Amino acid sequence: MSIEKEYDSNFRYVLVAARRARQLQNGAEPMVPTRSRKACRVAQEEIAAGKVAYVRTEDVPVVKPEIDAPEIPKFAP
């Protein structure tokens, strides 16, 4: 695992911001002085200030489980 401060994709940035916004909505104190009262905006300001990071686990390949199922019946027209 490693602590990352740079975001490798916009998707990851949005996930981190959304999680931090949820924490703020549930009563967490903002880590930066801000005039905004919106949790989403405060989370974005915290990320821009470098106060929010995320933990990245080792990349594990995704394996789809194989399911034993009967063949799909084919219907003739």
PDB file of N, CA and C in Angstrom:
ATOM      1  N   MET A   1       0.832  -1.169   0.000  1.00  0.00           N
ATOM      2  CA  MET A   1       0.000   0.000   0.000  1.00  0.00           C
ATOM      3  C   MET A   1       0.883   1.241   0.000  1.00  0.00           C
ATOM      4  N   SER A   2       0.364   2.280  -0.616  1.00  0.00           N
ATOM      5  CA  SER A   2       1.087   3.545  -0.617  1.00  0.00           C
ATOM      6  C   SER A   2       0.091   4.693  -0.510  1.00  0.00           C
ATOM      7  N   ILE A   3       0.548   5.785   0.069  1.00  0.00           N
ATOM      8  CA  ILE A   3      -0.297   6.970   0.197  1.00  0.00           C
ATOM      9  C   ILE A   3      -0.059   7.844  -1.023  1.00  0.00           C
ATOM     10  N   GLU A   4      -1.119   8.177  -1.732  1.00  0.00           N
ATOM     11  CA  GLU A   4      -1.041   8.950  -2.961  1.00  0.00           C
ATOM     12  C   GLU A   4      -1.656  10.328  -2.751  1.00  0.00           C
ATOM     13  N   LYS A   5      -1.019  11.342  -3.296  1.00  0.00           N
ATOM     14  CA  LYS A   5      -1.596  12.686  -3.274  1.00  0.00           C
ATOM     15  C   LYS A   5      -1.940  13.148  -4.681  1.00  0.00           C
ATOM     16  N   GLU A   6      -1.336  12.523  -5.679  1.00  0.00           N
ATOM     17  CA  GLU A   6      -1.648  12.844  -7.070  1.00  0.00           C
ATOM     18  C   GLU A   6      -2.738  11.887  -7.546  1.00  0.00           C
ATOM     19  N   TYR A   7      -3.629  12.392  -8.363  1.00  0.00           N
ATOM     20  CA  TYR A   7      -4.751  11.589  -8.828  1.00  0.00           C
ATOM     21  C   TYR A   7      -4.483  11.148 -10.256  1.00  0.00           C
ATOM     22  N   ASP A   8      -4.565   9.839 -10.480  1.00  0.00           N
ATOM     23  CA  ASP A   8      -4.253   9.286 -11.791  1.00  0.00           C
ATOM     24  C   ASP A   8      -5.421   9.391 -12.764  1.00  0.00           C
ATOM     25  N   SER A   9      -6.604   9.746 -12.268  1.00  0.00           N
ATOM     26  CA  SER A   9      -7.751   9.900 -13.162  1.00  0.00           C
ATOM     27  C   SER A   9      -8.772  10.824 -12.509  1.00  0.00           C
ATOM     28  N   ASN A  10      -9.623  11.396 -13.333  1.00  0.00           N
ATOM     29  CA  ASN A  10     -10.697  12.246 -12.809  1.00  0.00           C
ATOM     30  C   ASN A  10     -11.674  11.427 -11.974  1.00  0.00           C
ATOM     31  N   PHE A  11     -11.857  10.177 -12.337  1.00  0.00           N
ATOM     32  CA  PHE A  11     -12.767   9.307 -11.610  1.00  0.00           C
ATOM     33  C   PHE A  11     -12.299   9.136 -10.167  1.00  0.00           C
ATOM     34  N   ARG A  12     -11.012   8.888  -9.975  1.00  0.00           N
ATOM     35  CA  ARG A  12     -10.479   8.715  -8.624  1.00  0.00           C
ATOM     36  C   ARG A  12     -10.611  10.011  -7.829  1.00  0.00           C
ATOM     37  N   TYR A  13     -10.364  11.153  -8.484  1.00  0.00           N
ATOM     38  CA  TYR A  13     -10.514  12.451  -7.830  1.00  0.00           C
ATOM     39  C   TYR A  13     -11.943  12.632  -7.321  1.00  0.00           C
ATOM     40  N   VAL A  14     -12.911  12.304  -8.144  1.00  0.00           N
ATOM     41  CA  VAL A  14     -14.312  12.447  -7.765  1.00  0.00           C
ATOM     42  C   VAL A  14     -14.656  11.506  -6.613  1.00  0.00           C
ATOM     43  N   LEU A  15     -14.145  10.283  -6.642  1.00  0.00           N
ATOM     44  CA  LEU A  15     -14.408   9.342  -5.556  1.00  0.00           C
ATOM     45  C   LEU A  15     -13.865   9.854  -4.227  1.00  0.00           C
ATOM     46  N   VAL A  16     -12.633  10.372  -4.242  1.00  0.00           N
ATOM     47  CA  VAL A  16     -12.017  10.877  -3.018  1.00  0.00           C
ATOM     48  C   VAL A  16     -12.770  12.105  -2.519  1.00  0.00           C
ATOM     49  N   ALA A  17     -13.121  13.015  -3.425  1.00  0.00           N
ATOM     50  CA  ALA A  17     -13.856  14.218  -3.037  1.00  0.00           C
ATOM     51  C   ALA A  17     -15.224  13.859  -2.471  1.00  0.00           C
ATOM     52  N   ALA A  18     -15.897  12.892  -3.069  1.00  0.00           N
ATOM     53  CA  ALA A  18     -17.219  12.490  -2.584  1.00  0.00           C
ATOM     54  C   ALA A  18     -17.131  11.865  -1.204  1.00  0.00           C
ATOM     55  N   ARG A  19     -16.113  11.045  -0.991  1.00  0.00           N
ATOM     56  CA  ARG A  19     -15.961  10.418   0.325  1.00  0.00           C
ATOM     57  C   ARG A  19     -15.659  11.464   1.394  1.00  0.00           C
ATOM     58  N   ARG A  20     -14.797  12.433   1.054  1.00  0.00           N
ATOM     59  CA  ARG A  20     -14.478  13.491   2.024  1.00  0.00           C
ATOM     60  C   ARG A  20     -15.704  14.371   2.270  1.00  0.00           C
ATOM     61  N   ALA A  21     -16.478  14.657   1.247  1.00  0.00           N
ATOM     62  CA  ALA A  21     -17.694  15.459   1.408  1.00  0.00           C
ATOM     63  C   ALA A  21     -18.666  14.745   2.339  1.00  0.00           C
ATOM     64  N   ARG A  22     -18.772  13.431   2.211  1.00  0.00           N
ATOM     65  CA  ARG A  22     -19.649  12.662   3.097  1.00  0.00           C
ATOM     66  C   ARG A  22     -19.168  12.767   4.547  1.00  0.00           C
ATOM     67  N   GLN A  23     -17.850  12.726   4.748  1.00  0.00           N
ATOM     68  CA  GLN A  23     -17.311  12.883   6.100  1.00  0.00           C
ATOM     69  C   GLN A  23     -17.656  14.256   6.663  1.00  0.00           C
ATOM     70  N   LEU A  24     -17.548  15.277   5.832  1.00  0.00           N
ATOM     71  CA  LEU A  24     -17.879  16.635   6.270  1.00  0.00           C
ATOM     72  C   LEU A  24     -19.362  16.753   6.617  1.00  0.00           C
ATOM     73  N   GLN A  25     -20.215  16.133   5.837  1.00  0.00           N
ATOM     74  CA  GLN A  25     -21.652  16.160   6.112  1.00  0.00           C
ATOM     75  C   GLN A  25     -21.988  15.455   7.418  1.00  0.00           C
ATOM     76  N   ASN A  26     -21.185  14.474   7.772  1.00  0.00           N
ATOM     77  CA  ASN A  26     -21.431  13.714   9.000  1.00  0.00           C
ATOM     78  C   ASN A  26     -20.772  14.346  10.218  1.00  0.00           C
ATOM     79  N   GLY A  27     -20.222  15.557  10.069  1.00  0.00           N
ATOM     80  CA  GLY A  27     -19.720  16.274  11.236  1.00  0.00           C
ATOM     81  C   GLY A  27     -18.226  16.472  11.332  1.00  0.00           C
ATOM     82  N   ALA A  28     -17.443  16.014  10.359  1.00  0.00           N
ATOM     83  CA  ALA A  28     -16.001  16.223  10.410  1.00  0.00           C
ATOM     84  C   ALA A  28     -15.692  17.712  10.241  1.00  0.00           C
ATOM     85  N   GLU A  29     -14.622  18.152  10.878  1.00  0.00           N
ATOM     86  CA  GLU A  29     -14.206  19.548  10.783  1.00  0.00           C
ATOM     87  C   GLU A  29     -13.407  19.772   9.506  1.00  0.00           C
ATOM     88  N   PRO A  30     -13.628  20.888   8.813  1.00  0.00           N
ATOM     89  CA  PRO A  30     -12.818  21.199   7.621  1.00  0.00           C
ATOM     90  C   PRO A  30     -11.351  21.383   7.995  1.00  0.00           C
ATOM     91  N   MET A  31     -10.464  20.957   7.120  1.00  0.00           N
ATOM     92  CA  MET A  31      -9.026  21.067   7.368  1.00  0.00           C
ATOM     93  C   MET A  31      -8.425  22.342   6.791  1.00  0.00           C
ATOM     94  N   VAL A  32      -9.217  23.131   6.091  1.00  0.00           N
ATOM     95  CA  VAL A  32      -8.754  24.403   5.538  1.00  0.00           C
ATOM     96  C   VAL A  32      -9.778  25.485   5.873  1.00  0.00           C
ATOM     97  N   PRO A  33      -9.328  26.715   6.049  1.00  0.00           N
ATOM     98  CA  PRO A  33     -10.304  27.795   6.241  1.00  0.00           C
ATOM     99  C   PRO A  33     -11.042  28.051   4.936  1.00  0.00           C
ATOM    100  N   THR A  34     -12.345  28.166   5.015  1.00  0.00           N
ATOM    101  CA  THR A  34     -13.144  28.337   3.814  1.00  0.00           C
ATOM    102  C   THR A  34     -14.368  29.184   4.112  1.00  0.00           C
ATOM    103  N   ARG A  35     -14.871  29.841   3.094  1.00  0.00           N
ATOM    104  CA  ARG A  35     -16.096  30.618   3.226  1.00  0.00           C
ATOM    105  C   ARG A  35     -17.303  29.810   2.771  1.00  0.00           C
ATOM    106  N   SER A  36     -17.049  28.707   2.090  1.00  0.00           N
ATOM    107  CA  SER A  36     -18.130  27.893   1.556  1.00  0.00           C
ATOM    108  C   SER A  36     -18.763  27.046   2.656  1.00  0.00           C
ATOM    109  N   ARG A  37     -20.058  26.830   2.539  1.00  0.00           N
ATOM    110  CA  ARG A  37     -20.760  25.960   3.473  1.00  0.00           C
ATOM    111  C   ARG A  37     -21.109  24.633   2.820  1.00  0.00           C
ATOM    112  N   LYS A  38     -20.851  24.489   1.538  1.00  0.00           N
ATOM    113  CA  LYS A  38     -21.170  23.252   0.814  1.00  0.00           C
ATOM    114  C   LYS A  38     -20.046  22.235   1.012  1.00  0.00           C
ATOM    115  N   ALA A  39     -20.423  21.045   1.429  1.00  0.00           N
ATOM    116  CA  ALA A  39     -19.436  20.012   1.729  1.00  0.00           C
ATOM    117  C   ALA A  39     -18.606  19.640   0.510  1.00  0.00           C
ATOM    118  N   CYS A  40     -19.227  19.596  -0.650  1.00  0.00           N
ATOM    119  CA  CYS A  40     -18.509  19.221  -1.874  1.00  0.00           C
ATOM    120  C   CYS A  40     -17.420  20.244  -2.197  1.00  0.00           C
ATOM    121  N   ARG A  41     -17.744  21.516  -2.075  1.00  0.00           N
ATOM    122  CA  ARG A  41     -16.774  22.571  -2.377  1.00  0.00           C
ATOM    123  C   ARG A  41     -15.637  22.582  -1.354  1.00  0.00           C
ATOM    124  N   VAL A  42     -15.974  22.362  -0.086  1.00  0.00           N
ATOM    125  CA  VAL A  42     -14.947  22.312   0.956  1.00  0.00           C
ATOM    126  C   VAL A  42     -13.992  21.144   0.685  1.00  0.00           C
ATOM    127  N   ALA A  43     -14.537  19.992   0.286  1.00  0.00           N
ATOM    128  CA  ALA A  43     -13.708  18.827  -0.030  1.00  0.00           C
ATOM    129  C   ALA A  43     -12.774  19.137  -1.185  1.00  0.00           C
ATOM    130  N   GLN A  44     -13.256  19.832  -2.206  1.00  0.00           N
ATOM    131  CA  GLN A  44     -12.402  20.197  -3.340  1.00  0.00           C
ATOM    132  C   GLN A  44     -11.301  21.157  -2.906  1.00  0.00           C
ATOM    133  N   GLU A  45     -11.610  22.089  -2.023  1.00  0.00           N
ATOM    134  CA  GLU A  45     -10.598  23.021  -1.537  1.00  0.00           C
ATOM    135  C   GLU A  45      -9.548  22.289  -0.704  1.00  0.00           C
ATOM    136  N   GLU A  46      -9.968  21.310   0.071  1.00  0.00           N
ATOM    137  CA  GLU A  46      -9.016  20.525   0.859  1.00  0.00           C
ATOM    138  C   GLU A  46      -8.085  19.725  -0.048  1.00  0.00           C
ATOM    139  N   ILE A  47      -8.619  19.169  -1.101  1.00  0.00           N
ATOM    140  CA  ILE A  47      -7.787  18.422  -2.051  1.00  0.00           C
ATOM    141  C   ILE A  47      -6.789  19.359  -2.725  1.00  0.00           C
ATOM    142  N   ALA A  48      -7.254  20.542  -3.140  1.00  0.00           N
ATOM    143  CA  ALA A  48      -6.374  21.510  -3.796  1.00  0.00           C
ATOM    144  C   ALA A  48      -5.259  21.967  -2.859  1.00  0.00           C
ATOM    145  N   ALA A  49      -5.529  22.020  -1.553  1.00  0.00           N
ATOM    146  CA  ALA A  49      -4.523  22.435  -0.576  1.00  0.00           C
ATOM    147  C   ALA A  49      -3.581  21.286  -0.206  1.00  0.00           C
ATOM    148  N   GLY A  50      -3.847  20.085  -0.712  1.00  0.00           N
ATOM    149  CA  GLY A  50      -2.979  18.943  -0.424  1.00  0.00           C
ATOM    150  C   GLY A  50      -3.243  18.314   0.928  1.00  0.00           C
ATOM    151  N   LYS A  51      -4.397  18.558   1.500  1.00  0.00           N
ATOM    152  CA  LYS A  51      -4.724  18.029   2.829  1.00  0.00           C
ATOM    153  C   LYS A  51      -5.371  16.656   2.781  1.00  0.00           C
ATOM    154  N   VAL A  52      -5.847  16.241   1.619  1.00  0.00           N
ATOM    155  CA  VAL A  52      -6.550  14.965   1.496  1.00  0.00           C
ATOM    156  C   VAL A  52      -5.748  14.062   0.571  1.00  0.00           C
ATOM    157  N   ALA A  53      -5.486  12.865   1.053  1.00  0.00           N
ATOM    158  CA  ALA A  53      -4.788  11.863   0.250  1.00  0.00           C
ATOM    159  C   ALA A  53      -5.601  10.572   0.311  1.00  0.00           C
ATOM    160  N   TYR A  54      -5.180   9.579  -0.442  1.00  0.00           N
ATOM    161  CA  TYR A  54      -5.866   8.293  -0.399  1.00  0.00           C
ATOM    162  C   TYR A  54      -4.835   7.190  -0.368  1.00  0.00           C
ATOM    163  N   VAL A  55      -5.244   6.039   0.089  1.00  0.00           N
ATOM    164  CA  VAL A  55      -4.359   4.884   0.180  1.00  0.00           C
ATOM    165  C   VAL A  55      -4.630   3.993  -1.015  1.00  0.00           C
ATOM    166  N   ARG A  56      -3.575   3.679  -1.726  1.00  0.00           N
ATOM    167  CA  ARG A  56      -3.710   2.806  -2.893  1.00  0.00           C
ATOM    168  C   ARG A  56      -3.117   1.452  -2.540  1.00  0.00           C
ATOM    169  N   THR A  57      -3.937   0.428  -2.678  1.00  0.00           N
ATOM    170  CA  THR A  57      -3.451  -0.922  -2.422  1.00  0.00           C
ATOM    171  C   THR A  57      -2.768  -1.438  -3.682  1.00  0.00           C
ATOM    172  N   GLU A  58      -2.073  -2.537  -3.551  1.00  0.00           N
ATOM    173  CA  GLU A  58      -1.409  -3.116  -4.704  1.00  0.00           C
ATOM    174  C   GLU A  58      -2.450  -3.482  -5.751  1.00  0.00           C
ATOM    175  N   ASP A  59      -2.070  -3.312  -6.995  1.00  0.00           N
ATOM    176  CA  ASP A  59      -2.983  -3.641  -8.091  1.00  0.00           C
ATOM    177  C   ASP A  59      -3.171  -5.150  -8.148  1.00  0.00           C
ATOM    178  N   VAL A  60      -4.387  -5.559  -7.955  1.00  0.00           N
ATOM    179  CA  VAL A  60      -4.731  -6.972  -8.009  1.00  0.00           C
ATOM    180  C   VAL A  60      -5.607  -7.166  -9.233  1.00  0.00           C
ATOM    181  N   PRO A  61      -5.275  -8.112 -10.087  1.00  0.00           N
ATOM    182  CA  PRO A  61      -6.105  -8.301 -11.272  1.00  0.00           C
ATOM    183  C   PRO A  61      -7.520  -8.733 -10.889  1.00  0.00           C
ATOM    184  N   VAL A  62      -8.468  -8.254 -11.637  1.00  0.00           N
ATOM    185  CA  VAL A  62      -9.862  -8.604 -11.412  1.00  0.00           C
ATOM    186  C   VAL A  62     -10.136  -9.928 -12.094  1.00  0.00           C
ATOM    187  N   VAL A  63     -10.663 -10.855 -11.339  1.00  0.00           N
ATOM    188  CA  VAL A  63     -10.962 -12.178 -11.881  1.00  0.00           C
ATOM    189  C   VAL A  63     -12.465 -12.388 -11.783  1.00  0.00           C
ATOM    190  N   LYS A  64     -13.073 -12.651 -12.916  1.00  0.00           N
ATOM    191  CA  LYS A  64     -14.500 -12.923 -12.925  1.00  0.00           C
ATOM    192  C   LYS A  64     -14.726 -14.373 -12.528  1.00  0.00           C
ATOM    193  N   PRO A  65     -15.660 -14.596 -11.622  1.00  0.00           N
ATOM    194  CA  PRO A  65     -15.917 -15.986 -11.221  1.00  0.00           C
ATOM    195  C   PRO A  65     -16.604 -16.749 -12.351  1.00  0.00           C
ATOM    196  N   GLU A  66     -16.223 -17.999 -12.474  1.00  0.00           N
ATOM    197  CA  GLU A  66     -16.874 -18.842 -13.470  1.00  0.00           C
ATOM    198  C   GLU A  66     -18.042 -19.546 -12.796  1.00  0.00           C
ATOM    199  N   ILE A  67     -19.187 -19.470 -13.433  1.00  0.00           N
ATOM    200  CA  ILE A  67     -20.390 -20.049 -12.866  1.00  0.00           C
ATOM    201  C   ILE A  67     -20.798 -21.235 -13.728  1.00  0.00           C
ATOM    202  N   ASP A  68     -21.004 -22.375 -13.067  1.00  0.00           N
ATOM    203  CA  ASP A  68     -21.497 -23.536 -13.790  1.00  0.00           C
ATOM    204  C   ASP A  68     -22.991 -23.340 -14.000  1.00  0.00           C
ATOM    205  N   ALA A  69     -23.384 -23.197 -15.228  1.00  0.00           N
ATOM    206  CA  ALA A  69     -24.793 -22.983 -15.551  1.00  0.00           C
ATOM    207  C   ALA A  69     -25.139 -23.806 -16.783  1.00  0.00           C
ATOM    208  N   PRO A  70     -26.381 -24.157 -16.890  1.00  0.00           N
ATOM    209  CA  PRO A  70     -26.774 -24.921 -18.095  1.00  0.00           C
ATOM    210  C   PRO A  70     -26.660 -24.037 -19.331  1.00  0.00           C
ATOM    211  N   GLU A  71     -26.548 -24.672 -20.446  1.00  0.00           N
ATOM    212  CA  GLU A  71     -26.466 -23.943 -21.700  1.00  0.00           C
ATOM    213  C   GLU A  71     -27.738 -23.122 -21.908  1.00  0.00           C
ATOM    214  N   ILE A  72     -27.594 -22.008 -22.552  1.00  0.00           N
ATOM    215  CA  ILE A  72     -28.751 -21.168 -22.868  1.00  0.00           C
ATOM    216  C   ILE A  72     -29.493 -21.826 -24.022  1.00  0.00           C
ATOM    217  N   PRO A  73     -30.779 -22.067 -23.834  1.00  0.00           N
ATOM    218  CA  PRO A  73     -31.517 -22.728 -24.921  1.00  0.00           C
ATOM    219  C   PRO A  73     -31.650 -21.822 -26.136  1.00  0.00           C
ATOM    220  N   LYS A  74     -31.567 -22.426 -27.299  1.00  0.00           N
ATOM    221  CA  LYS A  74     -31.717 -21.684 -28.546  1.00  0.00           C
ATOM    222  C   LYS A  74     -33.087 -22.007 -29.112  1.00  0.00           C
ATOM    223  N   PHE A  75     -33.827 -20.978 -29.407  1.00  0.00           N
ATOM    224  CA  PHE A  75     -35.175 -21.158 -29.947  1.00  0.00           C
ATOM    225  C   PHE A  75     -35.148 -20.948 -31.444  1.00  0.00           C
ATOM    226  N   ALA A  76     -35.786 -21.870 -32.157  1.00  0.00           N
ATOM    227  CA  ALA A  76     -35.874 -21.745 -33.612  1.00  0.00           C
ATOM    228  C   ALA A  76     -37.070 -20.874 -33.964  1.00  0.00           C
ATOM    229  N   PRO A  77     -36.937 -20.009 -34.968  1.00  0.00           N
ATOM    230  CA  PRO A  77     -38.056 -19.142 -35.323  1.00  0.00           C
ATOM    231  C   PRO A  77     -39.177 -19.871 -35.999  1.00  0.00           C
TER     232      PRO A  77
END
